[in-house]
């Protein structure tokens, strides 16, 4: 994570410290349609797409027998042919689905072993979610936070607002290399979720982007509470070293203490990845009970590639 001097400031690669220009490129990827396919599936970064007719402001509800006055364009010919009686599709006016994005830019997120650091991958995921929300015609806002504080951006239907939102991400992101200590973000994340719960009402898409390191029961409670009247999506950013440590002798430290590590010692090499796999499975199953999807994005591949892979898996179901 080496940087170089530029205008008396240290300039870092965009994989380490993001820029507004880096995040704004996602506007083209989303607007061009090259990033997210147009299918009526659960959009992993911006809420449910339950109807192909979303652009008409309608949401499919049911099929019922045709009555005089129904629009013939809404006749369901498949059901009509199967039953021998004319049936119509019934639509409800679609509710607005504003998106509220919670972006973790705390010191725990400043870690990456190969390509991106977690904080940058989180920023990319936030950019995709924000631009996709604007594309579908809904309002977007959120909270961006680190140990020094947070920025609250009230949801609006505005590209200028998205740029402002992403600028706050950049501002919080660029101070991370200056940190001399790393702190667990459990209580910090909980505080931001509490503020989110107070800010949103109902029918929101709440996207929380973090590495969810050491979450506790309070974290779970906030997420469950918000999911009662909103769609909550968890974007879990992880690094390959979270999954598995390389062979050989390693010195691991939390900034205060350190240990000598070897995968071959006491089967540590087998226990370490099992802990990650178990954590991933437990969280996924736990939140699935509350209809809270958890999507895992790594720091090795680009977010856009992983979004397409995730969408592909959904479409194959």
C-alpha atoms as a PDB file:
ATOM      1  CA  UNK A   1       0.000   0.000   0.000  1.00  0.00           C
ATOM      2  CA  UNK A   2       2.687   2.435  -1.012  1.00  0.00           C
ATOM      3  CA  UNK A   3       1.870   5.949  -2.160  1.00  0.00           C
ATOM      4  CA  UNK A   4       3.820   8.674  -3.897  1.00  0.00           C
ATOM      5  CA  UNK A   5       4.090  12.432  -3.405  1.00  0.00           C
ATOM      6  CA  UNK A   6       1.864  14.595  -5.583  1.00  0.00           C
ATOM      7  CA  UNK A   7       1.405  18.327  -4.914  1.00  0.00           C
ATOM      8  CA  UNK A   8       2.942  17.820  -1.450  1.00  0.00           C
ATOM      9  CA  UNK A   9       0.336  15.168  -0.690  1.00  0.00           C
ATOM     10  CA  UNK A  10       0.694  11.405  -0.751  1.00  0.00           C
ATOM     11  CA  UNK A  11      -1.256   9.940  -3.674  1.00  0.00           C
ATOM     12  CA  UNK A  12      -2.364   6.336  -3.323  1.00  0.00           C
ATOM     13  CA  UNK A  13      -3.559   3.892  -5.974  1.00  0.00           C
ATOM     14  CA  UNK A  14      -7.360   3.915  -6.375  1.00  0.00           C
ATOM     15  CA  UNK A  15      -7.383   0.333  -5.094  1.00  0.00           C
ATOM     16  CA  UNK A  16      -6.184   1.709  -1.743  1.00  0.00           C
ATOM     17  CA  UNK A  17      -7.831   5.140  -1.571  1.00  0.00           C
ATOM     18  CA  UNK A  18     -10.759   5.868  -3.863  1.00  0.00           C
ATOM     19  CA  UNK A  19     -11.525   9.118  -5.671  1.00  0.00           C
ATOM     20  CA  UNK A  20     -14.733  10.794  -6.798  1.00  0.00           C
ATOM     21  CA  UNK A  21     -13.778  10.133 -10.413  1.00  0.00           C
ATOM     22  CA  UNK A  22     -13.300   6.458  -9.587  1.00  0.00           C
ATOM     23  CA  UNK A  23     -16.791   6.224  -8.071  1.00  0.00           C
ATOM     24  CA  UNK A  24     -18.567   8.340 -10.699  1.00  0.00           C
ATOM     25  CA  UNK A  25     -17.613   5.869 -13.447  1.00  0.00           C
ATOM     26  CA  UNK A  26     -20.295   3.562 -12.068  1.00  0.00           C
ATOM     27  CA  UNK A  27     -22.909   6.016 -13.364  1.00  0.00           C
ATOM     28  CA  UNK A  28     -22.054   4.996 -16.916  1.00  0.00           C
ATOM     29  CA  UNK A  29     -21.922   1.291 -16.072  1.00  0.00           C
ATOM     30  CA  UNK A  30     -25.372   1.416 -14.485  1.00  0.00           C
ATOM     31  CA  UNK A  31     -27.024   3.827 -16.946  1.00  0.00           C
ATOM     32  CA  UNK A  32     -25.720   1.916 -19.974  1.00  0.00           C
ATOM     33  CA  UNK A  33     -27.323  -1.276 -18.700  1.00  0.00           C
ATOM     34  CA  UNK A  34     -24.017  -3.138 -18.986  1.00  0.00           C
ATOM     35  CA  UNK A  35     -23.819  -3.803 -15.266  1.00  0.00           C
ATOM     36  CA  UNK A  36     -27.248  -5.021 -14.137  1.00  0.00           C
ATOM     37  CA  UNK A  37     -29.470  -7.066 -16.462  1.00  0.00           C
ATOM     38  CA  UNK A  38     -33.094  -6.047 -16.937  1.00  0.00           C
ATOM     39  CA  UNK A  39     -34.866  -8.951 -15.256  1.00  0.00           C
ATOM     40  CA  UNK A  40     -37.687  -8.996 -12.677  1.00  0.00           C
ATOM     41  CA  UNK A  41     -35.491 -10.500  -9.983  1.00  0.00           C
ATOM     42  CA  UNK A  42     -34.353  -9.365  -6.564  1.00  0.00           C
ATOM     43  CA  UNK A  43     -31.778  -6.690  -7.280  1.00  0.00           C
ATOM     44  CA  UNK A  44     -29.003  -7.433  -4.819  1.00  0.00           C
ATOM     45  CA  UNK A  45     -27.939  -3.844  -4.295  1.00  0.00           C
ATOM     46  CA  UNK A  46     -31.159  -1.898  -4.589  1.00  0.00           C
ATOM     47  CA  UNK A  47     -34.217  -3.831  -3.514  1.00  0.00           C
ATOM     48  CA  UNK A  48     -36.930  -5.939  -5.085  1.00  0.00           C
ATOM     49  CA  UNK A  49     -37.853  -5.802  -8.752  1.00  0.00           C
ATOM     50  CA  UNK A  50     -41.074  -7.768  -8.717  1.00  0.00           C
ATOM     51  CA  UNK A  51     -42.555  -6.656 -12.023  1.00  0.00           C
ATOM     52  CA  UNK A  52     -41.399  -6.192 -15.586  1.00  0.00           C
ATOM     53  CA  UNK A  53     -43.846  -3.278 -15.705  1.00  0.00           C
ATOM     54  CA  UNK A  54     -42.018  -1.274 -13.097  1.00  0.00           C
ATOM     55  CA  UNK A  55     -41.381   1.525 -15.565  1.00  0.00           C
ATOM     56  CA  UNK A  56     -45.176   1.987 -15.916  1.00  0.00           C
ATOM     57  CA  UNK A  57     -45.489   2.606 -12.176  1.00  0.00           C
ATOM     58  CA  UNK A  58     -47.436  -0.630 -11.689  1.00  0.00           C
ATOM     59  CA  UNK A  59     -46.785  -3.690  -9.591  1.00  0.00           C
ATOM     60  CA  UNK A  60     -48.293  -7.102 -10.467  1.00  0.00           C
ATOM     61  CA  UNK A  61     -50.649  -8.400  -7.777  1.00  0.00           C
ATOM     62  CA  UNK A  62     -52.739 -11.319  -9.090  1.00  0.00           C
ATOM     63  CA  UNK A  63     -54.674 -12.925 -11.958  1.00  0.00           C
ATOM     64  CA  UNK A  64     -58.481 -12.941 -11.739  1.00  0.00           C
ATOM     65  CA  UNK A  65     -61.414 -13.650 -14.059  1.00  0.00           C
ATOM     66  CA  UNK A  66     -62.046 -10.944 -16.651  1.00  0.00           C
ATOM     67  CA  UNK A  67     -64.789  -8.410 -15.927  1.00  0.00           C
ATOM     68  CA  UNK A  68     -66.303  -5.844 -18.287  1.00  0.00           C
ATOM     69  CA  UNK A  69     -64.154  -2.757 -18.493  1.00  0.00           C
ATOM     70  CA  UNK A  70     -60.799  -4.499 -17.938  1.00  0.00           C
ATOM     71  CA  UNK A  71     -58.005  -3.371 -20.246  1.00  0.00           C
ATOM     72  CA  UNK A  72     -57.666  -6.074 -22.912  1.00  0.00           C
ATOM     73  CA  UNK A  73     -53.897  -5.476 -22.897  1.00  0.00           C
ATOM     74  CA  UNK A  74     -53.825  -7.048 -19.427  1.00  0.00           C
ATOM     75  CA  UNK A  75     -55.478 -10.311 -20.445  1.00  0.00           C
ATOM     76  CA  UNK A  76     -53.399 -13.303 -19.322  1.00  0.00           C
ATOM     77  CA  UNK A  77     -53.642 -15.515 -22.397  1.00  0.00           C
ATOM     78  CA  UNK A  78     -51.889 -18.485 -20.789  1.00  0.00           C
ATOM     79  CA  UNK A  79     -54.357 -18.714 -17.904  1.00  0.00           C
ATOM     80  CA  UNK A  80     -57.231 -18.030 -20.302  1.00  0.00           C
ATOM     81  CA  UNK A  81     -56.177 -20.922 -22.544  1.00  0.00           C
ATOM     82  CA  UNK A  82     -55.681 -23.265 -19.605  1.00  0.00           C
ATOM     83  CA  UNK A  83     -59.014 -22.551 -17.885  1.00  0.00           C
ATOM     84  CA  UNK A  84     -61.189 -21.796 -20.877  1.00  0.00           C
ATOM     85  CA  UNK A  85     -62.278 -18.548 -19.245  1.00  0.00           C
ATOM     86  CA  UNK A  86     -60.859 -15.095 -19.871  1.00  0.00           C
ATOM     87  CA  UNK A  87     -58.562 -13.887 -17.079  1.00  0.00           C
ATOM     88  CA  UNK A  88     -56.901 -10.510 -16.524  1.00  0.00           C
ATOM     89  CA  UNK A  89     -53.731  -9.526 -14.735  1.00  0.00           C
ATOM     90  CA  UNK A  90     -54.338  -7.118 -11.860  1.00  0.00           C
ATOM     91  CA  UNK A  91     -51.809  -4.434 -11.021  1.00  0.00           C
ATOM     92  CA  UNK A  92     -51.423  -2.110  -8.062  1.00  0.00           C
ATOM     93  CA  UNK A  93     -49.811   1.274  -8.185  1.00  0.00           C
ATOM     94  CA  UNK A  94     -46.209   0.695  -7.232  1.00  0.00           C
ATOM     95  CA  UNK A  95     -44.940   2.238  -4.029  1.00  0.00           C
ATOM     96  CA  UNK A  96     -41.844   4.370  -3.972  1.00  0.00           C
ATOM     97  CA  UNK A  97     -38.785   2.403  -2.835  1.00  0.00           C
ATOM     98  CA  UNK A  98     -36.173   4.892  -1.572  1.00  0.00           C
ATOM     99  CA  UNK A  99     -32.768   3.443  -0.778  1.00  0.00           C
ATOM    100  CA  UNK A 100     -30.812   4.263   2.371  1.00  0.00           C
ATOM    101  CA  UNK A 101     -27.158   3.173   2.206  1.00  0.00           C
ATOM    102  CA  UNK A 102     -25.044   2.723   5.344  1.00  0.00           C
ATOM    103  CA  UNK A 103     -21.336   2.725   4.405  1.00  0.00           C
ATOM    104  CA  UNK A 104     -18.687   1.601   6.876  1.00  0.00           C
ATOM    105  CA  UNK A 105     -15.406   3.515   6.385  1.00  0.00           C
ATOM    106  CA  UNK A 106     -13.922   2.759   9.800  1.00  0.00           C
ATOM    107  CA  UNK A 107     -10.311   1.733  10.381  1.00  0.00           C
ATOM    108  CA  UNK A 108     -11.219  -1.977  10.461  1.00  0.00           C
ATOM    109  CA  UNK A 109     -12.153  -1.643   6.793  1.00  0.00           C
ATOM    110  CA  UNK A 110      -8.677  -0.429   5.804  1.00  0.00           C
ATOM    111  CA  UNK A 111      -7.343  -3.872   4.999  1.00  0.00           C
ATOM    112  CA  UNK A 112      -6.603  -5.740   1.787  1.00  0.00           C
ATOM    113  CA  UNK A 113      -4.056  -8.392   0.889  1.00  0.00           C
ATOM    114  CA  UNK A 114      -4.094  -8.476  -2.912  1.00  0.00           C
ATOM    115  CA  UNK A 115      -6.002  -5.884  -4.949  1.00  0.00           C
ATOM    116  CA  UNK A 116      -8.521  -3.660  -3.147  1.00  0.00           C
ATOM    117  CA  UNK A 117      -8.863  -2.743   0.500  1.00  0.00           C
ATOM    118  CA  UNK A 118     -12.262  -3.384   2.077  1.00  0.00           C
ATOM    119  CA  UNK A 119     -13.078   0.318   2.395  1.00  0.00           C
ATOM    120  CA  UNK A 120     -12.657   0.833  -1.363  1.00  0.00           C
ATOM    121  CA  UNK A 121     -14.739  -2.224  -2.258  1.00  0.00           C
ATOM    122  CA  UNK A 122     -17.415  -0.892   0.098  1.00  0.00           C
ATOM    123  CA  UNK A 123     -17.298   2.484  -1.667  1.00  0.00           C
ATOM    124  CA  UNK A 124     -17.741   0.778  -5.055  1.00  0.00           C
ATOM    125  CA  UNK A 125     -20.738  -1.215  -3.797  1.00  0.00           C
ATOM    126  CA  UNK A 126     -22.278   2.006  -2.458  1.00  0.00           C
ATOM    127  CA  UNK A 127     -21.803   3.725  -5.834  1.00  0.00           C
ATOM    128  CA  UNK A 128     -23.534   0.892  -7.706  1.00  0.00           C
ATOM    129  CA  UNK A 129     -26.459   0.937  -5.272  1.00  0.00           C
ATOM    130  CA  UNK A 130     -26.840   4.720  -5.431  1.00  0.00           C
ATOM    131  CA  UNK A 131     -26.753   5.006  -9.217  1.00  0.00           C
ATOM    132  CA  UNK A 132     -29.054   2.030  -9.671  1.00  0.00           C
ATOM    133  CA  UNK A 133     -31.604   3.612  -7.321  1.00  0.00           C
ATOM    134  CA  UNK A 134     -31.560   6.858  -9.309  1.00  0.00           C
ATOM    135  CA  UNK A 135     -31.897   4.920 -12.565  1.00  0.00           C
ATOM    136  CA  UNK A 136     -35.084   3.239 -11.373  1.00  0.00           C
ATOM    137  CA  UNK A 137     -36.496   6.648 -10.371  1.00  0.00           C
ATOM    138  CA  UNK A 138     -36.359   6.408  -6.576  1.00  0.00           C
ATOM    139  CA  UNK A 139     -34.762   8.564  -3.888  1.00  0.00           C
ATOM    140  CA  UNK A 140     -31.375   7.676  -2.394  1.00  0.00           C
ATOM    141  CA  UNK A 141     -29.465   8.836   0.680  1.00  0.00           C
ATOM    142  CA  UNK A 142     -27.620   7.324   3.591  1.00  0.00           C
ATOM    143  CA  UNK A 143     -24.986   7.481   6.289  1.00  0.00           C
ATOM    144  CA  UNK A 144     -21.215   7.323   5.794  1.00  0.00           C
ATOM    145  CA  UNK A 145     -19.209   6.852   8.977  1.00  0.00           C
ATOM    146  CA  UNK A 146     -15.841   6.294  10.585  1.00  0.00           C
ATOM    147  CA  UNK A 147     -14.426   6.736  14.102  1.00  0.00           C
ATOM    148  CA  UNK A 148     -14.358  10.519  13.760  1.00  0.00           C
ATOM    149  CA  UNK A 149     -18.040  10.921  12.977  1.00  0.00           C
ATOM    150  CA  UNK A 150     -20.612  10.444  10.271  1.00  0.00           C
ATOM    151  CA  UNK A 151     -22.332  12.204   7.384  1.00  0.00           C
ATOM    152  CA  UNK A 152     -26.107  11.986   7.013  1.00  0.00           C
ATOM    153  CA  UNK A 153     -27.495  12.559   3.530  1.00  0.00           C
ATOM    154  CA  UNK A 154     -31.279  12.853   3.354  1.00  0.00           C
ATOM    155  CA  UNK A 155     -32.728  10.777   0.491  1.00  0.00           C
ATOM    156  CA  UNK A 156     -33.478  12.721  -2.694  1.00  0.00           C
ATOM    157  CA  UNK A 157     -34.101  11.871  -6.314  1.00  0.00           C
ATOM    158  CA  UNK A 158     -31.089  13.716  -7.701  1.00  0.00           C
ATOM    159  CA  UNK A 159     -27.857  12.877  -9.499  1.00  0.00           C
ATOM    160  CA  UNK A 160     -26.269  15.870  -7.775  1.00  0.00           C
ATOM    161  CA  UNK A 161     -27.214  14.300  -4.447  1.00  0.00           C
ATOM    162  CA  UNK A 162     -25.524  11.039  -5.482  1.00  0.00           C
ATOM    163  CA  UNK A 163     -22.339  12.954  -6.297  1.00  0.00           C
ATOM    164  CA  UNK A 164     -22.500  14.663  -2.897  1.00  0.00           C
ATOM    165  CA  UNK A 165     -23.091  11.313  -1.205  1.00  0.00           C
ATOM    166  CA  UNK A 166     -20.089   9.760  -2.966  1.00  0.00           C
ATOM    167  CA  UNK A 167     -17.932  12.769  -2.090  1.00  0.00           C
ATOM    168  CA  UNK A 168     -18.620  12.109   1.597  1.00  0.00           C
ATOM    169  CA  UNK A 169     -17.507   8.513   1.023  1.00  0.00           C
ATOM    170  CA  UNK A 170     -14.289   9.780  -0.554  1.00  0.00           C
ATOM    171  CA  UNK A 171     -13.682  12.228   2.307  1.00  0.00           C
ATOM    172  CA  UNK A 172     -14.061   9.497   4.941  1.00  0.00           C
ATOM    173  CA  UNK A 173     -12.038   7.075   2.829  1.00  0.00           C
ATOM    174  CA  UNK A 174      -8.971   9.199   2.240  1.00  0.00           C
ATOM    175  CA  UNK A 175      -8.158   9.644   5.953  1.00  0.00           C
ATOM    176  CA  UNK A 176      -7.810   5.893   6.533  1.00  0.00           C
ATOM    177  CA  UNK A 177      -4.081   5.666   5.585  1.00  0.00           C
ATOM    178  CA  UNK A 178      -3.358   8.249   8.293  1.00  0.00           C
ATOM    179  CA  UNK A 179      -4.755   6.044  11.059  1.00  0.00           C
ATOM    180  CA  UNK A 180      -2.185   4.785  13.575  1.00  0.00           C
ATOM    181  CA  UNK A 181      -4.562   2.464  15.431  1.00  0.00           C
ATOM    182  CA  UNK A 182      -7.243   0.003  14.390  1.00  0.00           C
ATOM    183  CA  UNK A 183     -10.422  -0.270  16.418  1.00  0.00           C
ATOM    184  CA  UNK A 184     -13.212  -2.828  16.334  1.00  0.00           C
ATOM    185  CA  UNK A 185     -16.332  -1.200  14.864  1.00  0.00           C
ATOM    186  CA  UNK A 186     -19.042  -3.083  16.779  1.00  0.00           C
ATOM    187  CA  UNK A 187     -20.414  -0.234  18.905  1.00  0.00           C
ATOM    188  CA  UNK A 188     -19.797   2.241  16.089  1.00  0.00           C
ATOM    189  CA  UNK A 189     -21.854   0.201  13.615  1.00  0.00           C
ATOM    190  CA  UNK A 190     -24.614  -0.223  16.197  1.00  0.00           C
ATOM    191  CA  UNK A 191     -24.785   3.541  16.728  1.00  0.00           C
ATOM    192  CA  UNK A 192     -25.127   4.095  12.985  1.00  0.00           C
ATOM    193  CA  UNK A 193     -27.856   1.453  12.727  1.00  0.00           C
ATOM    194  CA  UNK A 194     -29.687   3.156  15.579  1.00  0.00           C
ATOM    195  CA  UNK A 195     -29.516   6.465  13.701  1.00  0.00           C
ATOM    196  CA  UNK A 196     -30.680   4.712  10.533  1.00  0.00           C
ATOM    197  CA  UNK A 197     -33.651   3.213  12.352  1.00  0.00           C
ATOM    198  CA  UNK A 198     -34.617   6.699  13.539  1.00  0.00           C
ATOM    199  CA  UNK A 199     -34.204   8.207  10.058  1.00  0.00           C
ATOM    200  CA  UNK A 200     -36.197   5.747   7.923  1.00  0.00           C
ATOM    201  CA  UNK A 201     -39.931   5.114   8.136  1.00  0.00           C
ATOM    202  CA  UNK A 202     -41.168   2.189   6.048  1.00  0.00           C
ATOM    203  CA  UNK A 203     -40.887   0.748   2.524  1.00  0.00           C
ATOM    204  CA  UNK A 204     -37.203   1.632   2.317  1.00  0.00           C
ATOM    205  CA  UNK A 205     -34.411  -0.468   0.911  1.00  0.00           C
ATOM    206  CA  UNK A 206     -31.717  -0.308   3.597  1.00  0.00           C
ATOM    207  CA  UNK A 207     -28.327  -1.475   2.329  1.00  0.00           C
ATOM    208  CA  UNK A 208     -25.649  -1.915   4.999  1.00  0.00           C
ATOM    209  CA  UNK A 209     -22.092  -2.277   3.674  1.00  0.00           C
ATOM    210  CA  UNK A 210     -19.436  -3.440   6.151  1.00  0.00           C
ATOM    211  CA  UNK A 211     -17.195  -6.368   7.044  1.00  0.00           C
ATOM    212  CA  UNK A 212     -19.501  -6.980  10.035  1.00  0.00           C
ATOM    213  CA  UNK A 213     -16.519  -7.802  12.226  1.00  0.00           C
ATOM    214  CA  UNK A 214     -17.568  -8.886  15.710  1.00  0.00           C
ATOM    215  CA  UNK A 215     -21.249  -7.975  15.421  1.00  0.00           C
ATOM    216  CA  UNK A 216     -23.282  -8.613  18.550  1.00  0.00           C
ATOM    217  CA  UNK A 217     -26.890  -9.207  19.544  1.00  0.00           C
ATOM    218  CA  UNK A 218     -27.611  -5.472  19.499  1.00  0.00           C
ATOM    219  CA  UNK A 219     -26.529  -5.359  15.835  1.00  0.00           C
ATOM    220  CA  UNK A 220     -28.851  -8.220  15.026  1.00  0.00           C
ATOM    221  CA  UNK A 221     -31.732  -6.572  16.888  1.00  0.00           C
ATOM    222  CA  UNK A 222     -31.436  -3.306  14.943  1.00  0.00           C
ATOM    223  CA  UNK A 223     -31.371  -5.195  11.651  1.00  0.00           C
ATOM    224  CA  UNK A 224     -34.366  -7.328  12.603  1.00  0.00           C
ATOM    225  CA  UNK A 225     -36.346  -4.286  13.731  1.00  0.00           C
ATOM    226  CA  UNK A 226     -35.701  -2.417  10.480  1.00  0.00           C
ATOM    227  CA  UNK A 227     -36.604  -5.467   8.388  1.00  0.00           C
ATOM    228  CA  UNK A 228     -40.140  -5.479   9.814  1.00  0.00           C
ATOM    229  CA  UNK A 229     -41.233  -2.629   7.544  1.00  0.00           C
ATOM    230  CA  UNK A 230     -38.318  -2.322   5.108  1.00  0.00           C
ATOM    231  CA  UNK A 231     -36.118  -4.426   2.856  1.00  0.00           C
ATOM    232  CA  UNK A 232     -32.713  -4.810   4.508  1.00  0.00           C
ATOM    233  CA  UNK A 233     -29.729  -6.013   2.478  1.00  0.00           C
ATOM    234  CA  UNK A 234     -26.331  -6.783   4.013  1.00  0.00           C
ATOM    235  CA  UNK A 235     -23.214  -6.458   1.861  1.00  0.00           C
ATOM    236  CA  UNK A 236     -20.391  -8.315   3.611  1.00  0.00           C
ATOM    237  CA  UNK A 237     -16.956  -7.219   2.369  1.00  0.00           C
ATOM    238  CA  UNK A 238     -14.218  -9.760   3.044  1.00  0.00           C
ATOM    239  CA  UNK A 239     -10.576 -10.377   2.138  1.00  0.00           C
ATOM    240  CA  UNK A 240      -8.999 -13.679   1.116  1.00  0.00           C
ATOM    241  CA  UNK A 241      -6.919 -13.596   4.308  1.00  0.00           C
ATOM    242  CA  UNK A 242     -10.198 -13.677   6.219  1.00  0.00           C
ATOM    243  CA  UNK A 243     -10.794 -17.061   4.592  1.00  0.00           C
ATOM    244  CA  UNK A 244      -7.360 -18.644   4.760  1.00  0.00           C
ATOM    245  CA  UNK A 245      -3.834 -17.772   5.902  1.00  0.00           C
ATOM    246  CA  UNK A 246      -0.801 -18.715   3.754  1.00  0.00           C
ATOM    247  CA  UNK A 247       1.570 -21.476   4.776  1.00  0.00           C
ATOM    248  CA  UNK A 248       4.817 -20.650   6.555  1.00  0.00           C
ATOM    249  CA  UNK A 249       5.718 -18.778   9.699  1.00  0.00           C
ATOM    250  CA  UNK A 250       3.706 -15.613  10.235  1.00  0.00           C
ATOM    251  CA  UNK A 251       3.661 -12.898  12.859  1.00  0.00           C
ATOM    252  CA  UNK A 252       0.104 -11.725  13.523  1.00  0.00           C
ATOM    253  CA  UNK A 253      -0.669  -8.598  15.532  1.00  0.00           C
ATOM    254  CA  UNK A 254      -3.672  -6.530  16.609  1.00  0.00           C
ATOM    255  CA  UNK A 255      -1.452  -3.468  17.061  1.00  0.00           C
ATOM    256  CA  UNK A 256      -0.803  -4.199  20.724  1.00  0.00           C
ATOM    257  CA  UNK A 257       0.001  -7.898  20.963  1.00  0.00           C
ATOM    258  CA  UNK A 258       1.436 -10.385  18.512  1.00  0.00           C
ATOM    259  CA  UNK A 259       1.659 -14.129  18.073  1.00  0.00           C
ATOM    260  CA  UNK A 260       3.723 -16.503  15.952  1.00  0.00           C
ATOM    261  CA  UNK A 261       1.427 -18.432  13.618  1.00  0.00           C
ATOM    262  CA  UNK A 262       1.893 -21.612  11.606  1.00  0.00           C
ATOM    263  CA  UNK A 263      -0.884 -23.420   9.762  1.00  0.00           C
ATOM    264  CA  UNK A 264       0.718 -26.772  10.584  1.00  0.00           C
ATOM    265  CA  UNK A 265       0.689 -26.139  14.348  1.00  0.00           C
ATOM    266  CA  UNK A 266      -2.206 -27.735  16.258  1.00  0.00           C
ATOM    267  CA  UNK A 267      -4.246 -27.892  13.024  1.00  0.00           C
ATOM    268  CA  UNK A 268      -4.542 -24.091  13.047  1.00  0.00           C
ATOM    269  CA  UNK A 269      -4.515 -24.108   9.248  1.00  0.00           C
ATOM    270  CA  UNK A 270      -7.687 -26.207   9.177  1.00  0.00           C
ATOM    271  CA  UNK A 271      -9.494 -24.441  12.022  1.00  0.00           C
ATOM    272  CA  UNK A 272      -8.983 -20.922  10.659  1.00  0.00           C
ATOM    273  CA  UNK A 273     -10.908 -21.350   7.353  1.00  0.00           C
ATOM    274  CA  UNK A 274     -13.538 -23.457   9.119  1.00  0.00           C
ATOM    275  CA  UNK A 275     -14.262 -20.549  11.458  1.00  0.00           C
ATOM    276  CA  UNK A 276     -14.844 -18.278   8.460  1.00  0.00           C
ATOM    277  CA  UNK A 277     -17.021 -20.828   6.656  1.00  0.00           C
ATOM    278  CA  UNK A 278     -19.074 -21.452   9.803  1.00  0.00           C
ATOM    279  CA  UNK A 279     -19.502 -17.711  10.385  1.00  0.00           C
ATOM    280  CA  UNK A 280     -20.645 -17.184   6.817  1.00  0.00           C
ATOM    281  CA  UNK A 281     -23.123 -20.061   6.960  1.00  0.00           C
ATOM    282  CA  UNK A 282     -24.467 -19.071  10.382  1.00  0.00           C
ATOM    283  CA  UNK A 283     -25.038 -15.415   9.460  1.00  0.00           C
ATOM    284  CA  UNK A 284     -26.633 -16.301   6.126  1.00  0.00           C
ATOM    285  CA  UNK A 285     -29.049 -18.785   7.690  1.00  0.00           C
ATOM    286  CA  UNK A 286     -29.800 -16.530  10.661  1.00  0.00           C
ATOM    287  CA  UNK A 287     -30.690 -13.465   8.624  1.00  0.00           C
ATOM    288  CA  UNK A 288     -32.483 -15.514   5.983  1.00  0.00           C
ATOM    289  CA  UNK A 289     -35.105 -16.324   8.626  1.00  0.00           C
ATOM    290  CA  UNK A 290     -35.952 -12.617   8.661  1.00  0.00           C
ATOM    291  CA  UNK A 291     -35.785 -12.317   4.867  1.00  0.00           C
ATOM    292  CA  UNK A 292     -32.567 -10.311   5.107  1.00  0.00           C
ATOM    293  CA  UNK A 293     -30.247 -11.388   2.290  1.00  0.00           C
ATOM    294  CA  UNK A 294     -26.508 -11.311   2.951  1.00  0.00           C
ATOM    295  CA  UNK A 295     -24.277 -10.909  -0.100  1.00  0.00           C
ATOM    296  CA  UNK A 296     -20.551 -11.610   0.173  1.00  0.00           C
ATOM    297  CA  UNK A 297     -18.140  -9.532  -1.931  1.00  0.00           C
ATOM    298  CA  UNK A 298     -14.379 -10.089  -1.845  1.00  0.00           C
ATOM    299  CA  UNK A 299     -11.570  -7.563  -2.251  1.00  0.00           C
ATOM    300  CA  UNK A 300      -9.829  -9.468  -5.050  1.00  0.00           C
ATOM    301  CA  UNK A 301     -12.381  -9.057  -7.846  1.00  0.00           C
ATOM    302  CA  UNK A 302     -14.098  -5.875  -8.972  1.00  0.00           C
ATOM    303  CA  UNK A 303     -17.523  -5.177  -7.526  1.00  0.00           C
ATOM    304  CA  UNK A 304     -19.039  -4.972 -11.022  1.00  0.00           C
ATOM    305  CA  UNK A 305     -17.837  -8.487 -11.873  1.00  0.00           C
ATOM    306  CA  UNK A 306     -19.177  -9.845  -8.600  1.00  0.00           C
ATOM    307  CA  UNK A 307     -22.540  -8.133  -9.094  1.00  0.00           C
ATOM    308  CA  UNK A 308     -22.908  -9.818 -12.477  1.00  0.00           C
ATOM    309  CA  UNK A 309     -21.899 -13.183 -10.996  1.00  0.00           C
ATOM    310  CA  UNK A 310     -24.450 -12.806  -8.210  1.00  0.00           C
ATOM    311  CA  UNK A 311     -27.185 -11.831 -10.644  1.00  0.00           C
ATOM    312  CA  UNK A 312     -26.295 -14.835 -12.785  1.00  0.00           C
ATOM    313  CA  UNK A 313     -26.714 -17.170  -9.817  1.00  0.00           C
ATOM    314  CA  UNK A 314     -30.104 -15.635  -9.052  1.00  0.00           C
ATOM    315  CA  UNK A 315     -31.286 -16.057 -12.627  1.00  0.00           C
ATOM    316  CA  UNK A 316     -30.240 -19.716 -12.673  1.00  0.00           C
ATOM    317  CA  UNK A 317     -32.396 -20.535  -9.621  1.00  0.00           C
END
